[in-house]
Amino acid sequence: MKKLLLTTAAATALFAAPAMAQTNTSTVNQPGDANQATVEQTGSGATSTVQQDSNDNRALVRQAGVGADSTINQTGADTVFNPNNVAEVNQTGDSTSLINQSGQAASANVEQNGDGNDSIVNQSGLLAVTGRSEELGPLNYDATGVRQLGDDNRSFVQQQGGSTAQVVQDSSLAVQGNQSDVYQGTGNGQAYVSQTGGNNSSFIEQLTQACCGQPTPIASVSQIGDGNLADIRQSTTSAGSDASVIQTNESNESYIVQTGQSSGSVGSLALSTQSGFDNFSRIEQSADANDADVNQEGDNNQSRIFQTGAGNTATVDQYSNGNVSLINQGGTGNTATVVQGS
């Protein structure tokens, strides 16, 4: 009889216990007109805030897992575009996303899977694009804006005036996350970042003025491995400047600086490819129509190229270890080729 009473008491306590609360929080403020906001939160401890102060904006938030946090702010003047600004956030895990859109016809798409990821997108001006929402609006780009997989990745995008940015970071198999910073001024710049591994860092700054049908400046970074660093800075009014960094393995560093080129002229091209360990490359171009190409496949190599004149070409290939190359081109129409190692 005593055993029966204990069993009955245990069953009563089990059914009387309250279910585990999901405790999600959603806040939507729409003082503007014809806005649409959809929030879906299936995990626990999630927080979503959507603020739509202008008209015809679209926002979609999907959050699962534990502790996700999303904030979307959409403001700006009325526009003939419908939809106006578009923002989509998809998060699984304890990550944070902040999207600020204060221009017209902007698009931002953020996807984060994992814990400790952090994405900030600030967009102003007309037709700034950080990815495209597949569900909310067919704007003029077809890839995810910010996509972070794994844990502890950081992405910051700030752009104006018709610029496009795409950031993909994957630390799924790494101990540490990656860091990406993209700053774009007016002038329809394009920035692409792909980082796989851990503790990689990428910095892109485009302060460009190309417009009116001219080719847009492009900066791209691809890093696979650990502890690599890429730094691209474009401050030029010439058309079609292109800077690219491709790095694999560990602890490589690449710097590209393109400045001072004249309005309406042909832009310069710079490519730094490093596939070994502890290599260093620096390319500086301060005139029009220069071309610099660095390829380093060994370890502990160093390459420096400085092009202050116009229409120069420099090529460096270093295949063994510990090589050093320096090229200075201050005149016009020069060609330099360096091949070291085998």
Protein backbone atom coordinates (compact mmCIF):
# COMPACT_ATOMS: atom_id res chain seq x y z
CA MET A 1 0.00 0.00 0.00
CA LYS A 2 2.86 2.35 0.81
CA LYS A 3 4.49 1.63 -2.55
CA LEU A 4 1.25 2.38 -4.39
CA LEU A 5 0.90 5.74 -2.66
CA LEU A 6 4.47 6.74 -3.57
CA THR A 7 3.91 5.82 -7.22
CA THR A 8 0.69 7.80 -7.36
CA ALA A 9 2.35 10.84 -5.81
CA ALA A 10 5.21 10.73 -8.32
CA ALA A 11 2.80 10.53 -11.25
CA THR A 12 0.79 13.44 -9.90
CA ALA A 13 3.94 15.56 -9.57
CA LEU A 14 5.01 14.68 -13.11
CA PHE A 15 1.77 15.79 -14.72
CA ALA A 16 1.48 18.83 -12.49
CA ALA A 17 4.93 20.16 -13.46
CA PRO A 18 4.73 23.10 -15.89
CA ALA A 19 6.05 22.61 -19.43
CA MET A 20 9.40 24.17 -20.29
CA ALA A 21 8.64 27.70 -21.51
CA GLN A 22 10.19 28.86 -24.77
CA THR A 23 10.30 32.48 -23.56
CA ASN A 24 10.81 34.09 -26.95
CA THR A 25 10.20 37.83 -27.42
CA SER A 26 9.07 39.62 -30.57
CA THR A 27 8.46 43.34 -31.06
CA VAL A 28 7.18 44.82 -34.34
CA ASN A 29 6.62 48.57 -34.80
CA GLN A 30 5.15 49.77 -38.09
CA PRO A 31 4.37 53.49 -38.03
CA GLY A 32 4.79 53.63 -41.82
CA ASP A 33 2.37 52.40 -44.48
CA ALA A 34 2.05 49.10 -46.39
CA ASN A 35 4.90 47.41 -44.52
CA GLN A 36 5.14 43.64 -44.05
CA ALA A 37 6.88 41.83 -41.21
CA THR A 38 6.96 38.10 -40.47
CA VAL A 39 8.64 36.65 -37.36
CA GLU A 40 9.00 32.91 -36.72
CA GLN A 41 10.80 31.80 -33.54
CA THR A 42 10.81 28.11 -32.71
CA GLY A 43 13.61 27.88 -30.17
CA SER A 44 13.93 29.48 -26.75
CA GLY A 45 15.39 32.70 -25.42
CA ALA A 46 15.16 34.38 -28.83
CA THR A 47 14.58 38.11 -29.30
CA SER A 48 13.38 39.83 -32.46
CA THR A 49 12.80 43.55 -33.03
CA VAL A 50 11.48 44.98 -36.30
CA GLN A 51 11.11 48.74 -36.74
CA GLN A 52 9.62 49.95 -40.05
CA ASP A 53 9.30 53.74 -40.17
CA SER A 54 9.02 54.29 -43.93
CA ASN A 55 6.66 52.68 -46.44
CA ASP A 56 6.53 49.41 -48.41
CA ASN A 57 9.29 47.65 -46.49
CA ARG A 58 9.59 43.87 -46.12
CA ALA A 59 11.11 41.99 -43.17
CA LEU A 60 11.35 38.26 -42.49
CA VAL A 61 12.94 36.79 -39.34
CA ARG A 62 13.34 33.07 -38.65
CA GLN A 63 15.14 31.99 -35.50
CA ALA A 64 15.66 28.54 -33.99
CA GLY A 65 17.88 27.13 -31.28
CA VAL A 66 18.67 29.02 -28.09
CA GLY A 67 19.41 32.71 -27.60
CA ALA A 68 19.22 34.16 -31.10
CA ASP A 69 18.89 37.96 -31.33
CA SER A 70 17.77 39.92 -34.42
CA THR A 71 17.13 43.64 -34.91
CA ILE A 72 15.92 45.17 -38.18
CA ASN A 73 15.52 48.94 -38.62
CA GLN A 74 14.06 50.17 -41.90
CA THR A 75 13.75 53.92 -42.41
CA GLY A 76 14.18 56.39 -45.25
CA ALA A 77 12.21 58.48 -47.69
CA ASP A 78 9.20 57.26 -49.67
CA THR A 79 10.13 55.67 -52.97
CA VAL A 80 8.60 54.42 -56.19
CA PHE A 81 10.14 51.00 -55.51
CA ASN A 82 7.82 48.28 -54.24
CA PRO A 83 9.03 46.62 -52.16
CA ASN A 84 11.22 49.38 -50.79
CA ASN A 85 13.82 47.98 -48.38
CA VAL A 86 14.04 44.20 -47.93
CA ALA A 87 15.62 42.38 -44.97
CA GLU A 88 15.73 38.67 -44.21
CA VAL A 89 17.39 37.00 -41.20
CA ASN A 90 17.72 33.26 -40.64
CA GLN A 91 19.53 32.16 -37.49
CA THR A 92 20.06 28.85 -35.71
CA GLY A 93 21.88 29.14 -32.41
CA ASP A 94 23.05 31.86 -30.07
CA SER A 95 23.98 34.50 -32.66
CA THR A 96 23.26 38.21 -33.16
CA SER A 97 22.16 40.09 -36.28
CA LEU A 98 21.66 43.84 -36.71
CA ILE A 99 20.40 45.34 -39.99
CA ASN A 100 20.00 49.11 -40.44
CA GLN A 101 18.54 50.28 -43.77
CA SER A 102 18.06 54.02 -44.12
CA GLY A 103 18.06 54.35 -47.91
CA GLN A 104 15.80 53.21 -50.71
CA ALA A 105 15.44 49.81 -52.40
CA ALA A 106 18.12 48.20 -50.23
CA SER A 107 18.38 44.45 -49.75
CA ALA A 108 20.03 42.58 -46.87
CA ASN A 109 20.06 38.84 -46.26
CA VAL A 110 21.77 37.30 -43.22
CA GLU A 111 22.10 33.58 -42.47
CA GLN A 112 23.92 32.33 -39.37
CA ASN A 113 24.18 28.71 -38.20
CA GLY A 114 26.08 28.18 -34.97
CA ASP A 115 26.79 30.03 -31.73
CA GLY A 116 28.56 33.29 -31.03
CA ASN A 117 28.27 34.66 -34.56
CA ASP A 118 27.78 38.40 -35.01
CA SER A 119 26.60 40.25 -38.14
CA ILE A 120 26.10 43.99 -38.59
CA VAL A 121 24.80 45.47 -41.86
CA ASN A 122 24.44 49.25 -42.25
CA GLN A 123 23.06 50.43 -45.60
CA SER A 124 22.12 53.89 -46.81
CA GLY A 125 21.61 55.53 -50.18
CA LEU A 126 19.93 54.00 -53.21
CA LEU A 127 20.06 50.31 -54.18
CA ALA A 128 22.56 49.08 -51.62
CA VAL A 129 22.60 45.29 -51.76
CA THR A 130 23.88 42.75 -49.24
CA GLY A 131 22.42 39.63 -50.80
CA ARG A 132 18.89 39.07 -51.99
CA SER A 133 15.86 37.67 -50.22
CA GLU A 134 14.49 34.67 -52.08
CA GLU A 135 11.03 35.16 -50.56
CA LEU A 136 10.58 38.89 -50.12
CA GLY A 137 11.73 40.57 -53.29
CA PRO A 138 13.55 39.99 -56.59
CA LEU A 139 16.23 42.66 -56.30
CA ASN A 140 19.29 42.66 -58.52
CA TYR A 141 21.50 40.09 -56.81
CA ASP A 142 21.21 36.34 -56.45
CA ALA A 143 23.32 35.26 -53.48
CA THR A 144 23.14 35.39 -49.70
CA GLY A 145 24.58 38.62 -48.34
CA VAL A 146 26.10 37.39 -45.07
CA ARG A 147 26.34 33.65 -44.44
CA GLN A 148 28.20 32.40 -41.38
CA LEU A 149 28.62 28.75 -40.42
CA GLY A 150 30.24 27.44 -37.27
CA ASP A 151 30.92 29.52 -34.17
CA ASP A 152 32.32 32.94 -33.28
CA ASN A 153 32.46 34.53 -36.73
CA ARG A 154 32.17 38.32 -37.03
CA SER A 155 30.94 40.26 -40.06
CA PHE A 156 30.52 44.02 -40.47
CA VAL A 157 29.19 45.59 -43.67
CA GLN A 158 28.68 49.32 -44.16
CA GLN A 159 27.84 50.63 -47.61
CA GLN A 160 26.16 53.39 -49.56
CA GLY A 161 24.99 54.20 -53.03
CA GLY A 162 24.33 51.06 -55.01
CA SER A 163 27.15 48.93 -53.62
CA THR A 164 27.04 45.14 -53.40
CA ALA A 165 28.58 42.95 -50.69
CA GLN A 166 28.74 39.20 -50.15
CA VAL A 167 30.39 37.59 -47.10
CA VAL A 168 30.64 33.84 -46.48
CA GLN A 169 32.52 32.54 -43.43
CA ASP A 170 32.80 28.94 -42.27
CA SER A 171 34.53 27.99 -39.02
CA SER A 172 32.72 24.65 -38.63
CA LEU A 173 35.97 22.68 -38.40
CA ALA A 174 38.02 25.33 -36.59
CA VAL A 175 38.54 26.33 -32.97
CA GLN A 176 38.34 30.07 -33.64
CA GLY A 177 35.99 32.14 -35.79
CA ASN A 178 36.78 34.51 -38.67
CA GLN A 179 36.50 38.29 -39.00
CA SER A 180 35.33 40.29 -42.03
CA ASP A 181 34.94 44.07 -42.40
CA VAL A 182 33.58 45.69 -45.56
CA TYR A 183 33.28 49.48 -45.98
CA GLN A 184 31.93 50.84 -49.27
CA GLY A 185 31.29 54.48 -50.19
CA THR A 186 29.35 55.77 -53.17
CA GLY A 187 30.16 54.46 -56.62
CA ASN A 188 28.60 51.03 -57.09
CA GLY A 189 31.47 49.01 -55.66
CA GLN A 190 31.41 45.23 -55.36
CA ALA A 191 32.99 43.29 -52.48
CA TYR A 192 33.19 39.52 -52.06
CA VAL A 193 34.65 37.66 -49.07
CA SER A 194 34.95 33.90 -48.56
CA GLN A 195 36.80 32.54 -45.53
CA THR A 196 36.98 28.89 -44.47
CA GLY A 197 38.96 27.84 -41.44
CA GLY A 198 39.73 29.75 -38.27
CA ASN A 199 41.18 33.08 -37.20
CA ASN A 200 41.22 34.51 -40.72
CA SER A 201 40.79 38.28 -41.12
CA SER A 202 39.64 40.29 -44.11
CA PHE A 203 39.36 44.06 -44.49
CA ILE A 204 37.96 45.75 -47.61
CA GLU A 205 37.56 49.49 -48.01
CA GLN A 206 36.20 50.95 -51.27
CA LEU A 207 35.95 54.73 -51.43
CA THR A 208 35.19 54.87 -55.13
CA GLN A 209 33.44 57.23 -57.51
CA ALA A 210 32.83 55.14 -60.64
CA CYS A 211 29.38 55.81 -62.06
CA CYS A 212 27.35 56.51 -65.15
CA GLY A 213 27.84 53.19 -66.91
CA GLN A 214 31.54 52.83 -66.10
CA PRO A 215 32.85 49.43 -64.94
CA THR A 216 32.52 49.08 -61.18
CA PRO A 217 35.50 48.55 -58.86
CA ILE A 218 35.74 45.00 -57.51
CA ALA A 219 37.49 43.67 -54.41
CA SER A 220 37.51 39.98 -53.56
CA VAL A 221 39.09 37.84 -50.85
CA SER A 222 39.24 34.04 -50.67
CA GLN A 223 41.02 32.43 -47.71
CA ILE A 224 41.15 28.75 -46.81
CA GLY A 225 43.19 27.78 -43.78
CA ASP A 226 44.02 29.45 -40.47
CA GLY A 227 45.42 32.79 -39.40
CA ASN A 228 45.51 34.45 -42.82
CA LEU A 229 45.14 38.21 -43.29
CA ALA A 230 43.89 40.12 -46.36
CA ASP A 231 43.66 43.91 -46.55
CA ILE A 232 42.32 45.69 -49.67
CA ARG A 233 41.89 49.46 -49.91
CA GLN A 234 40.56 51.12 -53.06
CA SER A 235 40.29 54.89 -53.19
CA THR A 236 40.14 55.79 -56.85
CA THR A 237 37.94 57.50 -59.45
CA SER A 238 39.10 55.38 -62.38
CA ALA A 239 36.83 52.79 -63.95
CA GLY A 240 37.05 49.08 -63.27
CA SER A 241 39.81 48.74 -60.69
CA ASP A 242 40.08 45.12 -59.56
CA ALA A 243 41.88 43.76 -56.50
CA SER A 244 41.88 40.09 -55.49
CA VAL A 245 43.53 38.05 -52.74
CA ILE A 246 43.60 34.24 -52.72
CA GLN A 247 45.31 32.53 -49.79
CA THR A 248 45.48 28.92 -48.61
CA ASN A 249 47.28 27.26 -45.69
CA GLU A 250 48.36 29.36 -42.70
CA SER A 251 49.62 32.77 -41.59
CA ASN A 252 49.85 34.47 -44.98
CA GLU A 253 49.44 38.24 -45.32
CA SER A 254 48.38 40.25 -48.38
CA TYR A 255 47.94 44.01 -48.72
CA ILE A 256 46.63 45.79 -51.82
CA VAL A 257 46.29 49.57 -52.04
CA GLN A 258 44.87 51.29 -55.14
CA THR A 259 44.74 55.10 -54.90
CA GLY A 260 45.02 58.32 -56.84
CA GLN A 261 43.88 57.26 -60.29
CA SER A 262 42.24 59.85 -62.54
CA SER A 263 38.52 60.09 -63.28
CA GLY A 264 37.28 58.20 -66.31
CA SER A 265 40.59 56.42 -66.90
CA VAL A 266 41.26 52.67 -67.01
CA GLY A 267 41.61 51.14 -63.56
CA SER A 268 44.45 49.00 -62.29
CA LEU A 269 44.47 45.25 -61.66
CA ALA A 270 46.08 43.52 -58.69
CA LEU A 271 46.16 39.82 -57.79
CA SER A 272 47.94 38.23 -54.84
CA THR A 273 47.93 34.41 -54.63
CA GLN A 274 49.70 32.67 -51.75
CA SER A 275 49.47 28.94 -51.06
CA GLY A 276 52.24 28.29 -48.55
CA PHE A 277 52.95 29.33 -44.98
CA ASP A 278 54.00 32.73 -43.58
CA ASN A 279 54.21 34.52 -46.92
CA PHE A 280 53.92 38.29 -47.30
CA SER A 281 52.71 40.34 -50.27
CA ARG A 282 52.17 44.07 -50.68
CA ILE A 283 50.96 45.80 -53.87
CA GLU A 284 50.56 49.57 -54.13
CA GLN A 285 49.19 51.19 -57.30
CA SER A 286 48.77 54.97 -57.45
CA ALA A 287 48.33 55.56 -61.19
CA ASP A 288 46.18 54.31 -64.08
CA ALA A 289 46.15 51.00 -65.97
CA ASN A 290 48.74 49.14 -63.93
CA ASP A 291 48.81 45.36 -63.64
CA ALA A 292 50.41 43.45 -60.76
CA ASP A 293 50.36 39.67 -60.28
CA VAL A 294 51.99 37.88 -57.35
CA ASN A 295 52.11 34.09 -56.95
CA GLN A 296 53.94 32.56 -53.97
CA GLU A 297 53.79 28.80 -53.43
CA GLY A 298 56.57 28.25 -50.91
CA ASP A 299 57.02 29.40 -47.32
CA ASN A 300 58.37 32.62 -45.79
CA ASN A 301 58.50 34.47 -49.11
CA GLN A 302 58.17 38.25 -49.42
CA SER A 303 57.00 40.31 -52.39
CA ARG A 304 56.60 44.08 -52.66
CA ILE A 305 55.39 45.91 -55.77
CA PHE A 306 55.09 49.70 -56.01
CA GLN A 307 53.61 51.20 -59.19
CA THR A 308 53.53 54.99 -59.16
CA GLY A 309 53.62 55.43 -62.93
CA ALA A 310 50.92 54.41 -65.43
CA GLY A 311 50.54 51.39 -67.70
CA ASN A 312 53.11 49.21 -65.97
CA THR A 313 53.10 45.42 -65.60
CA ALA A 314 54.73 43.45 -62.78
CA THR A 315 54.73 39.67 -62.33
CA VAL A 316 56.28 37.76 -59.43
CA ASP A 317 56.43 33.96 -59.12
CA GLN A 318 58.21 32.46 -56.11
CA TYR A 319 58.11 28.68 -55.73
CA SER A 320 60.62 27.79 -53.02
CA ASN A 321 61.19 29.14 -49.51
CA GLY A 322 62.60 32.38 -48.15
CA ASN A 323 62.65 34.39 -51.39
CA VAL A 324 62.46 38.19 -51.44
CA SER A 325 61.31 40.36 -54.36
CA LEU A 326 61.02 44.16 -54.69
CA ILE A 327 59.72 45.97 -57.81
CA ASN A 328 59.46 49.77 -58.15
CA GLN A 329 57.88 51.18 -61.32
CA GLY A 330 57.72 54.96 -61.48
CA GLY A 331 57.71 55.48 -65.23
CA THR A 332 55.22 54.49 -67.95
CA GLY A 333 54.81 51.26 -69.87
CA ASN A 334 57.42 49.24 -67.98
CA THR A 335 57.41 45.45 -67.62
CA ALA A 336 59.08 43.47 -64.84
CA THR A 337 59.06 39.69 -64.34
CA VAL A 338 60.59 37.86 -61.39
CA VAL A 339 60.75 34.06 -61.11
CA GLN A 340 62.50 32.51 -58.10
CA GLY A 341 62.68 28.89 -57.01
CA SER A 342 61.46 25.86 -58.89
